[in-house]
């Protein structure tokens, strides 16, 4: 089996790539854009550039594609260019695994099941580029493909396979090491998923025939404040340094309040434990 991991240099993609490389019978290739490369054998590729994308894909001819490219505020370019380039090259036999986000439920009235309607944000909203691009990508995949798995995830945390921490936990540890307080909001409810657990889910989908849309993560839902207090304790710091953040917002910067995920469906399909 040949697998291509687009975004194999990123926080999630590097974990998926490293795990796949150790599995017998899987030939894995991966791409990166930003230097330095975390692995010696990755191919530097701008997925938004059609000619180089086509050349790379035709050379690899993968059986499974993992799309773990992240672009944040530029996610709309990734959907309108890179993802469309990919879709035009996929055959019905090639399985796509697309990493999506809980922000497709931007109405913020969770917990959400997979069949609940997606929602976009106004174009002038601070988070519209990312949120609306993810919604557009999901709808595009569903319209154009049949052999796909969309995996929706909330905030991703923890140390990945190459020893990198998520930015939020890294910032937490930086403050607490210096005995400085740090604030997180208590009104934003999420399903936090460990990077190793999410990578394990993706690897499972690479190796099985499951298709469709799946929410990923544990049953437990928490606010950022609750979650980061727990993380402070796990790291051996004083959790009381984690304070409740201000809930005041500007109209065009409102953050969806509850994007937590109902994950019963994926737990019925996979025998994996989420921490």
Protein backbone atom coordinates (compact mmCIF):
# COMPACT_ATOMS: atom_id res chain seq x y z
CA UNK A 1 0.00 0.00 0.00
CA UNK A 2 1.27 3.46 -0.94
CA UNK A 3 0.30 6.37 1.31
CA UNK A 4 1.00 10.05 0.80
CA UNK A 5 0.86 12.44 3.76
CA UNK A 6 0.44 16.03 2.64
CA UNK A 7 1.65 18.23 5.48
CA UNK A 8 4.02 15.60 6.91
CA UNK A 9 6.14 18.31 8.53
CA UNK A 10 3.33 19.68 10.66
CA UNK A 11 2.25 19.02 14.22
CA UNK A 12 -0.24 16.26 13.35
CA UNK A 13 1.16 15.21 9.99
CA UNK A 14 4.63 14.45 11.36
CA UNK A 15 3.15 12.07 13.93
CA UNK A 16 1.11 10.29 11.28
CA UNK A 17 4.11 10.08 8.96
CA UNK A 18 6.43 8.67 11.63
CA UNK A 19 3.92 6.01 12.73
CA UNK A 20 3.20 4.94 9.14
CA UNK A 21 6.90 4.57 8.36
CA UNK A 22 7.17 1.89 11.06
CA UNK A 23 4.29 -0.22 9.72
CA UNK A 24 5.29 -3.18 7.55
CA UNK A 25 3.66 -3.26 4.13
CA UNK A 26 3.11 0.50 3.90
CA UNK A 27 5.21 2.63 1.59
CA UNK A 28 4.80 6.22 2.73
CA UNK A 29 5.84 9.51 1.17
CA UNK A 30 5.28 12.98 2.54
CA UNK A 31 5.46 16.64 1.68
CA UNK A 32 6.55 19.79 3.46
CA UNK A 33 6.74 23.48 2.64
CA UNK A 34 8.32 25.38 5.51
CA UNK A 35 11.97 24.72 6.38
CA UNK A 36 13.43 22.89 8.16
CA UNK A 37 12.15 19.44 7.24
CA UNK A 38 11.61 17.15 10.21
CA UNK A 39 12.48 14.09 8.11
CA UNK A 40 15.23 13.61 5.52
CA UNK A 41 13.02 11.99 2.92
CA UNK A 42 10.18 14.51 2.66
CA UNK A 43 9.52 16.29 -0.63
CA UNK A 44 9.29 20.07 -0.62
CA UNK A 45 6.04 20.99 -2.34
CA UNK A 46 3.67 23.93 -2.52
CA UNK A 47 0.32 22.15 -2.89
CA UNK A 48 -1.20 25.36 -4.26
CA UNK A 49 1.12 25.26 -7.28
CA UNK A 50 -0.62 23.09 -9.91
CA UNK A 51 2.29 21.96 -12.09
CA UNK A 52 4.58 20.75 -9.31
CA UNK A 53 1.60 19.20 -7.50
CA UNK A 54 0.61 17.25 -10.60
CA UNK A 55 4.17 16.09 -11.22
CA UNK A 56 4.52 14.86 -7.63
CA UNK A 57 1.16 13.10 -7.49
CA UNK A 58 1.57 11.33 -10.83
CA UNK A 59 4.97 10.05 -9.71
CA UNK A 60 3.69 8.74 -6.36
CA UNK A 61 0.27 7.34 -7.40
CA UNK A 62 -0.81 6.67 -3.79
CA UNK A 63 -3.57 4.32 -2.69
CA UNK A 64 -4.39 6.55 0.29
CA UNK A 65 -3.93 10.30 0.74
CA UNK A 66 -3.80 11.94 4.18
CA UNK A 67 -4.53 15.67 3.94
CA UNK A 68 -3.12 17.18 7.14
CA UNK A 69 -1.97 20.49 5.67
CA UNK A 70 -2.74 23.44 7.95
CA UNK A 71 -2.88 27.06 6.81
CA UNK A 72 -4.79 28.89 9.56
CA UNK A 73 -6.02 32.26 8.25
CA UNK A 74 -4.95 31.21 4.73
CA UNK A 75 -7.04 28.05 4.81
CA UNK A 76 -9.27 29.42 2.04
CA UNK A 77 -6.33 29.34 -0.39
CA UNK A 78 -5.62 25.76 0.60
CA UNK A 79 -9.20 24.78 -0.19
CA UNK A 80 -9.59 26.80 -3.39
CA UNK A 81 -6.24 25.72 -4.81
CA UNK A 82 -4.46 22.80 -3.15
CA UNK A 83 -7.50 20.70 -2.31
CA UNK A 84 -9.00 21.20 -5.76
CA UNK A 85 -5.68 20.15 -7.33
CA UNK A 86 -5.83 17.00 -5.25
CA UNK A 87 -9.44 16.16 -6.07
CA UNK A 88 -8.78 16.44 -9.81
CA UNK A 89 -6.07 13.78 -9.47
CA UNK A 90 -7.91 11.29 -7.27
CA UNK A 91 -9.37 8.14 -8.78
CA UNK A 92 -12.37 6.33 -7.23
CA UNK A 93 -9.91 3.74 -5.87
CA UNK A 94 -7.81 6.32 -4.00
CA UNK A 95 -9.00 6.99 -0.47
CA UNK A 96 -8.80 10.52 0.93
CA UNK A 97 -8.49 11.13 4.66
CA UNK A 98 -9.17 14.80 5.34
CA UNK A 99 -8.46 16.39 8.73
CA UNK A 100 -11.20 18.89 9.50
CA UNK A 101 -12.14 20.98 12.53
CA UNK A 102 -14.83 21.44 15.16
CA UNK A 103 -15.14 25.01 13.86
CA UNK A 104 -17.40 23.75 11.07
CA UNK A 105 -19.98 23.84 13.89
CA UNK A 106 -19.46 27.58 14.32
CA UNK A 107 -22.99 28.18 15.62
CA UNK A 108 -21.50 27.00 18.92
CA UNK A 109 -24.43 25.03 20.31
CA UNK A 110 -22.71 21.68 20.94
CA UNK A 111 -22.19 18.92 21.60
CA UNK A 112 -22.57 18.06 17.92
CA UNK A 113 -23.23 14.81 16.09
CA UNK A 114 -21.87 14.17 12.61
CA UNK A 115 -25.22 14.75 10.94
CA UNK A 116 -25.79 18.15 12.53
CA UNK A 117 -25.71 21.03 10.03
CA UNK A 118 -22.49 22.89 9.37
CA UNK A 119 -22.43 26.67 9.72
CA UNK A 120 -20.30 29.47 8.29
CA UNK A 121 -19.32 32.85 9.71
CA UNK A 122 -19.86 36.32 8.19
CA UNK A 123 -17.12 37.24 5.73
CA UNK A 124 -15.90 40.12 7.92
CA UNK A 125 -15.48 37.86 10.96
CA UNK A 126 -11.94 37.33 12.29
CA UNK A 127 -12.21 33.55 11.95
CA UNK A 128 -14.20 33.41 8.70
CA UNK A 129 -11.29 32.47 6.41
CA UNK A 130 -10.48 29.35 8.41
CA UNK A 131 -14.01 28.33 9.38
CA UNK A 132 -15.66 28.91 6.03
CA UNK A 133 -12.80 27.23 4.17
CA UNK A 134 -13.22 24.07 6.26
CA UNK A 135 -16.97 24.05 5.61
CA UNK A 136 -16.37 24.59 1.90
CA UNK A 137 -13.76 21.82 1.81
CA UNK A 138 -16.09 19.31 3.46
CA UNK A 139 -18.92 20.13 1.07
CA UNK A 140 -16.58 19.93 -1.91
CA UNK A 141 -15.26 16.52 -0.86
CA UNK A 142 -18.76 15.19 -0.27
CA UNK A 143 -19.92 16.45 -3.68
CA UNK A 144 -16.96 15.25 -5.74
CA UNK A 145 -15.81 12.06 -4.02
CA UNK A 146 -17.17 8.82 -2.59
CA UNK A 147 -14.04 7.18 -1.19
CA UNK A 148 -13.22 9.53 1.67
CA UNK A 149 -13.12 9.94 5.43
CA UNK A 150 -13.50 13.35 7.04
CA UNK A 151 -12.20 13.45 10.60
CA UNK A 152 -13.34 16.42 12.68
CA UNK A 153 -11.22 17.34 15.69
CA UNK A 154 -11.34 19.91 18.45
CA UNK A 155 -8.24 21.55 19.94
CA UNK A 156 -5.24 19.23 19.57
CA UNK A 157 -2.71 19.06 22.38
CA UNK A 158 0.27 17.16 23.76
CA UNK A 159 3.72 16.11 22.66
CA UNK A 160 3.79 14.62 19.18
CA UNK A 161 5.92 11.79 17.82
CA UNK A 162 8.92 14.06 17.20
CA UNK A 163 8.77 15.77 20.60
CA UNK A 164 6.92 18.95 19.68
CA UNK A 165 4.30 20.44 22.02
CA UNK A 166 1.23 22.30 20.88
CA UNK A 167 1.60 26.08 21.10
CA UNK A 168 -1.04 26.46 23.81
CA UNK A 169 0.59 24.00 26.23
CA UNK A 170 4.03 25.38 25.42
CA UNK A 171 2.80 28.87 26.32
CA UNK A 172 1.24 27.52 29.51
CA UNK A 173 4.49 25.89 30.62
CA UNK A 174 6.49 29.02 29.80
CA UNK A 175 4.34 31.14 32.11
CA UNK A 176 4.11 28.62 34.93
CA UNK A 177 7.86 27.96 34.98
CA UNK A 178 8.26 31.65 35.80
CA UNK A 179 5.41 31.58 38.36
CA UNK A 180 3.44 33.95 36.16
CA UNK A 181 -0.36 33.67 35.96
CA UNK A 182 -2.03 32.92 32.65
CA UNK A 183 -5.71 33.24 31.76
CA UNK A 184 -8.05 31.03 29.73
CA UNK A 185 -11.74 31.43 29.11
CA UNK A 186 -14.30 29.35 30.98
CA UNK A 187 -17.16 29.89 28.51
CA UNK A 188 -15.59 28.16 25.50
CA UNK A 189 -16.39 24.44 25.61
CA UNK A 190 -14.41 21.99 23.50
CA UNK A 191 -13.48 18.32 22.99
CA UNK A 192 -9.72 18.30 23.46
CA UNK A 193 -7.89 15.48 21.65
CA UNK A 194 -4.33 14.35 22.22
CA UNK A 195 -2.15 14.46 19.11
CA UNK A 196 -1.07 10.83 19.56
CA UNK A 197 -4.70 9.69 19.76
CA UNK A 198 -5.65 11.65 16.66
CA UNK A 199 -2.65 10.24 14.78
CA UNK A 200 -3.69 6.73 15.83
CA UNK A 201 -7.18 7.36 14.42
CA UNK A 202 -5.76 8.56 11.09
CA UNK A 203 -3.46 5.55 10.86
CA UNK A 204 -6.42 3.24 11.53
CA UNK A 205 -8.37 4.87 8.70
CA UNK A 206 -5.39 4.42 6.38
CA UNK A 207 -5.52 0.68 7.01
CA UNK A 208 -9.29 0.07 6.98
CA UNK A 209 -12.14 0.55 4.53
CA UNK A 210 -14.22 2.93 6.65
CA UNK A 211 -15.51 6.00 4.89
CA UNK A 212 -17.75 8.90 5.88
CA UNK A 213 -17.63 11.69 8.45
CA UNK A 214 -16.44 11.09 12.01
CA UNK A 215 -16.05 13.29 15.06
CA UNK A 216 -12.89 12.37 16.94
CA UNK A 217 -11.87 12.68 20.58
CA UNK A 218 -12.93 11.65 24.08
CA UNK A 219 -16.42 11.80 25.57
CA UNK A 220 -15.29 14.43 28.06
CA UNK A 221 -15.88 18.08 27.20
CA UNK A 222 -14.26 20.99 29.04
CA UNK A 223 -13.75 24.71 28.94
CA UNK A 224 -10.29 26.02 28.10
CA UNK A 225 -9.97 27.13 31.72
CA UNK A 226 -10.82 23.70 33.11
CA UNK A 227 -8.61 21.89 30.64
CA UNK A 228 -5.56 24.10 31.15
CA UNK A 229 -5.81 23.79 34.92
CA UNK A 230 -5.64 20.02 34.50
CA UNK A 231 -2.69 20.36 32.16
CA UNK A 232 -0.88 22.56 34.69
CA UNK A 233 -1.30 19.87 37.34
CA UNK A 234 -0.06 17.15 34.97
CA UNK A 235 3.04 19.23 34.26
CA UNK A 236 3.67 19.59 38.00
CA UNK A 237 2.88 23.30 38.28
CA UNK A 238 0.57 25.30 40.53
CA UNK A 239 -2.84 25.11 38.86
CA UNK A 240 -3.97 28.22 40.74
CA UNK A 241 -1.78 30.25 38.41
CA UNK A 242 -4.31 29.42 35.69
CA UNK A 243 -6.95 32.13 35.92
CA UNK A 244 -10.28 32.74 34.24
CA UNK A 245 -9.92 34.97 31.23
CA UNK A 246 -12.15 37.83 30.19
CA UNK A 247 -15.24 36.89 28.18
CA UNK A 248 -15.66 40.30 26.57
CA UNK A 249 -15.59 40.23 22.76
CA UNK A 250 -15.95 42.53 19.80
CA UNK A 251 -18.88 41.79 17.52
CA UNK A 252 -16.72 40.56 14.60
CA UNK A 253 -14.41 38.54 16.88
CA UNK A 254 -16.91 36.40 18.76
CA UNK A 255 -15.59 32.88 19.28
CA UNK A 256 -18.09 29.99 18.94
CA UNK A 257 -19.00 29.04 22.49
CA UNK A 258 -19.58 25.28 22.42
CA UNK A 259 -18.12 23.29 19.53
CA UNK A 260 -17.77 20.07 21.54
CA UNK A 261 -18.21 16.79 19.70
CA UNK A 262 -20.34 13.73 20.23
CA UNK A 263 -17.88 10.92 19.43
CA UNK A 264 -20.08 7.85 19.87
CA UNK A 265 -19.93 6.97 16.16
CA UNK A 266 -16.16 6.61 15.93
CA UNK A 267 -15.98 4.65 19.16
CA UNK A 268 -18.43 2.14 17.73
CA UNK A 269 -16.18 1.66 14.70
CA UNK A 270 -12.69 1.73 16.21
CA UNK A 271 -11.31 0.00 19.30
CA UNK A 272 -9.25 2.99 20.38
CA UNK A 273 -9.11 4.71 23.74
CA UNK A 274 -8.95 8.49 23.91
CA UNK A 275 -7.20 9.94 26.94
